[in-house]
């Protein structure tokens, strides 16, 4: 999901692709933001590249 957000998709587009609600995406992305220590979607790609998706 974080990779999809980093690629520029909106929460609604991600929700449609994953067959979940937009609020589910918002909930999980907020947890991703906290875990990675970021405040913007633009930072996701660089953090995932630096730490790897499994970190």
N, C-alpha and C. Protein backbone atom coordinates (compact mmCIF):
# COMPACT_ATOMS: atom_id res chain seq x y z
N UNK A 1 0.82 -1.18 0.00
CA UNK A 1 0.00 0.00 0.00
C UNK A 1 0.86 1.25 0.00
N UNK A 2 1.92 1.27 0.78
CA UNK A 2 2.80 2.44 0.82
C UNK A 2 3.46 2.67 -0.54
N UNK A 3 3.79 1.59 -1.21
CA UNK A 3 4.40 1.71 -2.53
C UNK A 3 3.42 2.34 -3.51
N UNK A 4 2.15 1.96 -3.41
CA UNK A 4 1.13 2.55 -4.28
C UNK A 4 0.98 4.04 -3.99
N UNK A 5 1.00 4.42 -2.72
CA UNK A 5 0.91 5.83 -2.35
C UNK A 5 2.13 6.59 -2.87
N UNK A 6 3.29 5.99 -2.76
CA UNK A 6 4.52 6.63 -3.24
C UNK A 6 4.50 6.80 -4.75
N UNK A 7 3.79 5.92 -5.45
CA UNK A 7 3.74 6.02 -6.91
C UNK A 7 2.80 7.12 -7.38
N UNK A 8 2.09 7.76 -6.43
CA UNK A 8 1.25 8.90 -6.79
C UNK A 8 -0.24 8.62 -6.81
N UNK A 9 -0.64 7.40 -6.49
CA UNK A 9 -2.07 7.10 -6.47
C UNK A 9 -2.75 7.77 -5.28
N UNK A 10 -4.00 8.15 -5.45
CA UNK A 10 -4.77 8.72 -4.35
C UNK A 10 -5.26 7.60 -3.44
N UNK A 11 -5.74 7.98 -2.26
CA UNK A 11 -6.29 6.97 -1.34
C UNK A 11 -7.46 6.23 -1.98
N UNK A 12 -8.29 6.94 -2.71
CA UNK A 12 -9.44 6.30 -3.37
C UNK A 12 -8.98 5.30 -4.43
N UNK A 13 -7.96 5.64 -5.18
CA UNK A 13 -7.44 4.74 -6.21
C UNK A 13 -6.82 3.49 -5.57
N UNK A 14 -6.09 3.69 -4.48
CA UNK A 14 -5.49 2.56 -3.77
C UNK A 14 -6.59 1.65 -3.22
N UNK A 15 -7.60 2.25 -2.61
CA UNK A 15 -8.71 1.48 -2.04
C UNK A 15 -9.40 0.64 -3.10
N UNK A 16 -9.61 1.21 -4.27
CA UNK A 16 -10.25 0.48 -5.36
C UNK A 16 -9.40 -0.71 -5.79
N UNK A 17 -8.11 -0.50 -5.92
CA UNK A 17 -7.21 -1.60 -6.34
C UNK A 17 -7.13 -2.71 -5.32
N UNK A 18 -7.24 -2.36 -4.02
CA UNK A 18 -7.09 -3.36 -2.97
C UNK A 18 -8.43 -3.88 -2.44
N UNK A 19 -9.53 -3.38 -3.00
CA UNK A 19 -10.87 -3.80 -2.60
C UNK A 19 -11.15 -3.56 -1.11
N UNK A 20 -10.75 -2.38 -0.64
CA UNK A 20 -11.01 -1.96 0.74
C UNK A 20 -11.59 -0.54 0.69
N UNK A 21 -11.96 -0.01 1.87
CA UNK A 21 -12.51 1.34 1.90
C UNK A 21 -11.40 2.37 1.97
N UNK A 22 -11.74 3.58 1.60
CA UNK A 22 -10.79 4.69 1.68
C UNK A 22 -10.36 4.92 3.12
N UNK A 23 -11.27 4.77 4.07
CA UNK A 23 -10.90 4.98 5.47
C UNK A 23 -9.89 3.93 5.94
N UNK A 24 -9.95 2.73 5.39
CA UNK A 24 -8.95 1.70 5.72
C UNK A 24 -7.57 2.14 5.23
N UNK A 25 -7.52 2.69 4.03
CA UNK A 25 -6.26 3.18 3.49
C UNK A 25 -5.72 4.32 4.36
N UNK A 26 -6.59 5.26 4.72
CA UNK A 26 -6.17 6.38 5.56
C UNK A 26 -5.61 5.89 6.89
N UNK A 27 -6.28 4.93 7.51
CA UNK A 27 -5.84 4.38 8.78
C UNK A 27 -4.45 3.77 8.66
N UNK A 28 -4.26 2.92 7.67
CA UNK A 28 -2.99 2.22 7.53
C UNK A 28 -1.86 3.15 7.07
N UNK A 29 -2.16 4.11 6.21
CA UNK A 29 -1.12 5.05 5.81
C UNK A 29 -0.69 5.92 6.98
N UNK A 30 -1.60 6.27 7.87
CA UNK A 30 -1.20 7.05 9.04
C UNK A 30 -0.24 6.25 9.91
N UNK A 31 -0.46 4.96 10.00
CA UNK A 31 0.47 4.09 10.75
C UNK A 31 1.81 3.99 10.05
N UNK A 32 1.80 3.93 8.72
CA UNK A 32 3.04 3.90 7.95
C UNK A 32 3.83 5.19 8.18
N UNK A 33 3.12 6.33 8.15
CA UNK A 33 3.77 7.62 8.38
C UNK A 33 4.46 7.63 9.74
N UNK A 34 3.75 7.18 10.77
CA UNK A 34 4.33 7.16 12.12
C UNK A 34 5.54 6.23 12.19
N UNK A 35 5.40 5.06 11.62
CA UNK A 35 6.49 4.07 11.69
C UNK A 35 7.74 4.55 10.95
N UNK A 36 7.55 5.20 9.81
CA UNK A 36 8.68 5.68 9.03
C UNK A 36 9.18 7.05 9.51
N UNK A 37 8.41 7.71 10.38
CA UNK A 37 8.81 9.02 10.88
C UNK A 37 8.72 10.10 9.82
N UNK A 38 7.67 10.05 9.00
CA UNK A 38 7.50 11.03 7.93
C UNK A 38 6.20 11.79 8.12
N UNK A 39 6.06 12.89 7.37
CA UNK A 39 4.85 13.71 7.46
C UNK A 39 4.20 13.95 6.11
N UNK A 40 4.78 13.43 5.04
CA UNK A 40 4.27 13.69 3.70
C UNK A 40 4.35 12.44 2.83
N UNK A 41 3.40 12.31 1.93
CA UNK A 41 3.42 11.20 0.97
C UNK A 41 4.67 11.23 0.11
N UNK A 42 5.18 12.42 -0.14
CA UNK A 42 6.38 12.56 -0.97
C UNK A 42 7.60 11.90 -0.34
N UNK A 43 7.58 11.72 0.97
CA UNK A 43 8.71 11.14 1.67
C UNK A 43 8.68 9.61 1.68
N UNK A 44 7.56 9.01 1.34
CA UNK A 44 7.43 7.56 1.42
C UNK A 44 8.46 6.85 0.55
N UNK A 45 8.57 7.26 -0.70
CA UNK A 45 9.48 6.60 -1.62
C UNK A 45 10.91 6.60 -1.17
N UNK A 46 11.38 7.74 -0.69
CA UNK A 46 12.77 7.80 -0.25
C UNK A 46 13.00 6.97 1.01
N UNK A 47 12.03 6.94 1.92
CA UNK A 47 12.16 6.14 3.14
C UNK A 47 12.10 4.66 2.82
N UNK A 48 11.23 4.25 1.93
CA UNK A 48 11.15 2.82 1.57
C UNK A 48 12.42 2.40 0.85
N UNK A 49 12.97 3.27 0.03
CA UNK A 49 14.22 2.95 -0.65
C UNK A 49 15.38 2.84 0.30
N UNK A 50 15.36 3.66 1.37
CA UNK A 50 16.45 3.69 2.33
C UNK A 50 16.37 2.54 3.31
N UNK A 51 15.14 2.15 3.70
CA UNK A 51 14.98 1.14 4.74
C UNK A 51 14.50 -0.19 4.21
N UNK A 52 13.95 -0.20 3.00
CA UNK A 52 13.39 -1.43 2.44
C UNK A 52 12.00 -1.66 2.99
N UNK A 53 11.12 -2.26 2.21
CA UNK A 53 9.75 -2.44 2.63
C UNK A 53 9.58 -3.37 3.82
N UNK A 54 10.53 -4.22 4.10
CA UNK A 54 10.39 -5.14 5.21
C UNK A 54 10.98 -4.65 6.52
N UNK A 55 11.53 -3.46 6.50
CA UNK A 55 12.18 -2.94 7.72
C UNK A 55 11.21 -2.41 8.72
